[in-house]
N, C-alpha and C. Protein backbone atom coordinates (compact mmCIF):
# COMPACT_ATOMS: atom_id res chain seq x y z
N MET A 1 61.61 -47.37 -23.13
CA MET A 1 62.68 -47.72 -22.21
C MET A 1 63.12 -46.45 -21.50
N SER A 2 63.35 -46.54 -20.22
CA SER A 2 63.83 -45.40 -19.45
C SER A 2 65.18 -45.75 -18.85
N ILE A 3 66.13 -44.87 -19.02
CA ILE A 3 67.47 -45.12 -18.53
C ILE A 3 67.57 -44.63 -17.09
N VAL A 4 67.96 -45.50 -16.20
CA VAL A 4 68.08 -45.17 -14.79
C VAL A 4 69.30 -44.28 -14.56
N GLY A 5 69.12 -43.19 -13.82
CA GLY A 5 70.24 -42.33 -13.45
C GLY A 5 70.68 -41.37 -14.52
N ARG A 6 69.89 -41.17 -15.55
CA ARG A 6 70.27 -40.26 -16.64
C ARG A 6 69.32 -39.08 -16.77
N ASP A 7 68.56 -38.79 -15.72
CA ASP A 7 67.60 -37.70 -15.77
C ASP A 7 68.28 -36.36 -16.05
N ILE A 8 69.41 -36.11 -15.43
CA ILE A 8 70.11 -34.84 -15.62
C ILE A 8 70.55 -34.70 -17.07
N GLN A 9 71.14 -35.75 -17.62
CA GLN A 9 71.62 -35.69 -18.99
C GLN A 9 70.47 -35.53 -19.98
N LEU A 10 69.37 -36.23 -19.75
CA LEU A 10 68.22 -36.09 -20.63
C LEU A 10 67.63 -34.69 -20.55
N THR A 11 67.60 -34.12 -19.36
CA THR A 11 67.12 -32.75 -19.19
C THR A 11 68.02 -31.77 -19.94
N GLN A 12 69.32 -31.96 -19.85
CA GLN A 12 70.25 -31.08 -20.57
C GLN A 12 70.04 -31.18 -22.08
N LEU A 13 69.86 -32.38 -22.59
CA LEU A 13 69.61 -32.53 -24.02
C LEU A 13 68.27 -31.92 -24.41
N ASP A 14 67.25 -32.07 -23.56
CA ASP A 14 65.96 -31.43 -23.83
C ASP A 14 66.10 -29.92 -23.87
N ASP A 15 66.91 -29.37 -22.97
CA ASP A 15 67.14 -27.92 -22.97
C ASP A 15 67.79 -27.46 -24.27
N LEU A 16 68.71 -28.25 -24.79
CA LEU A 16 69.34 -27.91 -26.07
C LEU A 16 68.33 -27.97 -27.21
N LEU A 17 67.44 -28.94 -27.15
CA LEU A 17 66.39 -29.05 -28.16
C LEU A 17 65.48 -27.83 -28.12
N THR A 18 65.13 -27.40 -26.92
CA THR A 18 64.30 -26.20 -26.76
C THR A 18 65.03 -24.96 -27.29
N ALA A 19 66.31 -24.85 -27.00
CA ALA A 19 67.11 -23.72 -27.50
C ALA A 19 67.14 -23.72 -29.02
N ARG A 20 67.25 -24.90 -29.61
CA ARG A 20 67.25 -25.02 -31.07
C ARG A 20 65.92 -24.53 -31.64
N ASP A 21 64.83 -24.87 -30.96
CA ASP A 21 63.50 -24.45 -31.41
C ASP A 21 63.35 -22.93 -31.36
N ARG A 22 64.14 -22.28 -30.51
CA ARG A 22 64.10 -20.82 -30.39
C ARG A 22 65.09 -20.14 -31.32
N GLY A 23 65.77 -20.92 -32.16
CA GLY A 23 66.68 -20.33 -33.14
C GLY A 23 68.14 -20.41 -32.80
N ALA A 24 68.49 -20.96 -31.65
CA ALA A 24 69.90 -21.11 -31.29
C ALA A 24 70.47 -22.33 -32.02
N GLY A 25 71.76 -22.45 -32.05
CA GLY A 25 72.39 -23.59 -32.71
C GLY A 25 73.28 -24.36 -31.77
N PRO A 26 72.70 -24.98 -30.74
CA PRO A 26 73.52 -25.68 -29.75
C PRO A 26 74.11 -26.98 -30.30
N ILE A 27 75.19 -27.39 -29.69
CA ILE A 27 75.85 -28.65 -30.01
C ILE A 27 76.04 -29.41 -28.72
N ALA A 28 75.84 -30.71 -28.76
CA ALA A 28 76.06 -31.56 -27.59
C ALA A 28 77.19 -32.53 -27.88
N LEU A 29 78.02 -32.74 -26.91
CA LEU A 29 79.08 -33.74 -26.98
C LEU A 29 78.81 -34.76 -25.89
N VAL A 30 78.62 -35.99 -26.28
CA VAL A 30 78.39 -37.08 -25.32
C VAL A 30 79.65 -37.92 -25.31
N SER A 31 80.29 -37.97 -24.16
CA SER A 31 81.55 -38.71 -24.08
C SER A 31 81.58 -39.58 -22.82
N GLY A 32 82.49 -40.51 -22.81
CA GLY A 32 82.66 -41.39 -21.68
C GLY A 32 83.26 -42.70 -22.14
N PRO A 33 83.68 -43.51 -21.19
CA PRO A 33 84.28 -44.80 -21.56
C PRO A 33 83.25 -45.74 -22.18
N ALA A 34 83.75 -46.78 -22.80
CA ALA A 34 82.88 -47.78 -23.41
C ALA A 34 81.99 -48.44 -22.35
N GLY A 35 80.75 -48.67 -22.73
CA GLY A 35 79.85 -49.43 -21.86
C GLY A 35 79.11 -48.64 -20.81
N VAL A 36 79.13 -47.30 -20.88
CA VAL A 36 78.43 -46.53 -19.85
C VAL A 36 77.04 -46.08 -20.27
N GLY A 37 76.65 -46.37 -21.51
CA GLY A 37 75.28 -46.06 -21.94
C GLY A 37 75.12 -44.85 -22.83
N LYS A 38 76.18 -44.42 -23.50
CA LYS A 38 76.08 -43.26 -24.39
C LYS A 38 75.06 -43.49 -25.50
N THR A 39 75.14 -44.64 -26.13
CA THR A 39 74.23 -44.94 -27.23
C THR A 39 72.80 -45.06 -26.73
N ALA A 40 72.59 -45.68 -25.59
CA ALA A 40 71.25 -45.81 -25.03
C ALA A 40 70.67 -44.44 -24.68
N LEU A 41 71.50 -43.56 -24.14
CA LEU A 41 71.07 -42.21 -23.81
C LEU A 41 70.63 -41.48 -25.07
N LEU A 42 71.43 -41.54 -26.11
CA LEU A 42 71.08 -40.84 -27.35
C LEU A 42 69.87 -41.47 -28.02
N HIS A 43 69.73 -42.77 -27.93
CA HIS A 43 68.56 -43.44 -28.50
C HIS A 43 67.29 -42.97 -27.80
N GLU A 44 67.31 -42.93 -26.47
CA GLU A 44 66.14 -42.46 -25.73
C GLU A 44 65.83 -41.01 -26.07
N PHE A 45 66.86 -40.18 -26.15
CA PHE A 45 66.65 -38.78 -26.47
C PHE A 45 66.06 -38.60 -27.87
N THR A 46 66.57 -39.33 -28.85
CA THR A 46 66.06 -39.16 -30.22
C THR A 46 64.61 -39.61 -30.32
N GLN A 47 64.23 -40.64 -29.56
CA GLN A 47 62.82 -41.05 -29.54
C GLN A 47 61.96 -39.92 -28.97
N HIS A 48 62.42 -39.30 -27.90
CA HIS A 48 61.69 -38.19 -27.29
C HIS A 48 61.62 -37.00 -28.25
N ALA A 49 62.74 -36.68 -28.89
CA ALA A 49 62.78 -35.53 -29.80
C ALA A 49 61.86 -35.75 -31.00
N ALA A 50 61.77 -36.97 -31.48
CA ALA A 50 60.91 -37.27 -32.63
C ALA A 50 59.43 -37.07 -32.28
N LYS A 51 59.09 -37.31 -31.02
CA LYS A 51 57.70 -37.15 -30.59
C LYS A 51 57.32 -35.68 -30.38
N SER A 52 58.32 -34.84 -30.12
CA SER A 52 58.00 -33.43 -29.83
C SER A 52 58.01 -32.57 -31.07
């Protein structure tokens, strides 16, 4: 599943994952009102992270 309009957010999360792989300890905060797709965004990201 691909989330429409979340390319920037997925890229930012991927950048944090890359920083973690280099030894940094980044933290991400995903916020917003109910129903905007926070859970879907994190689900897509975790699937991508598990593959890498």
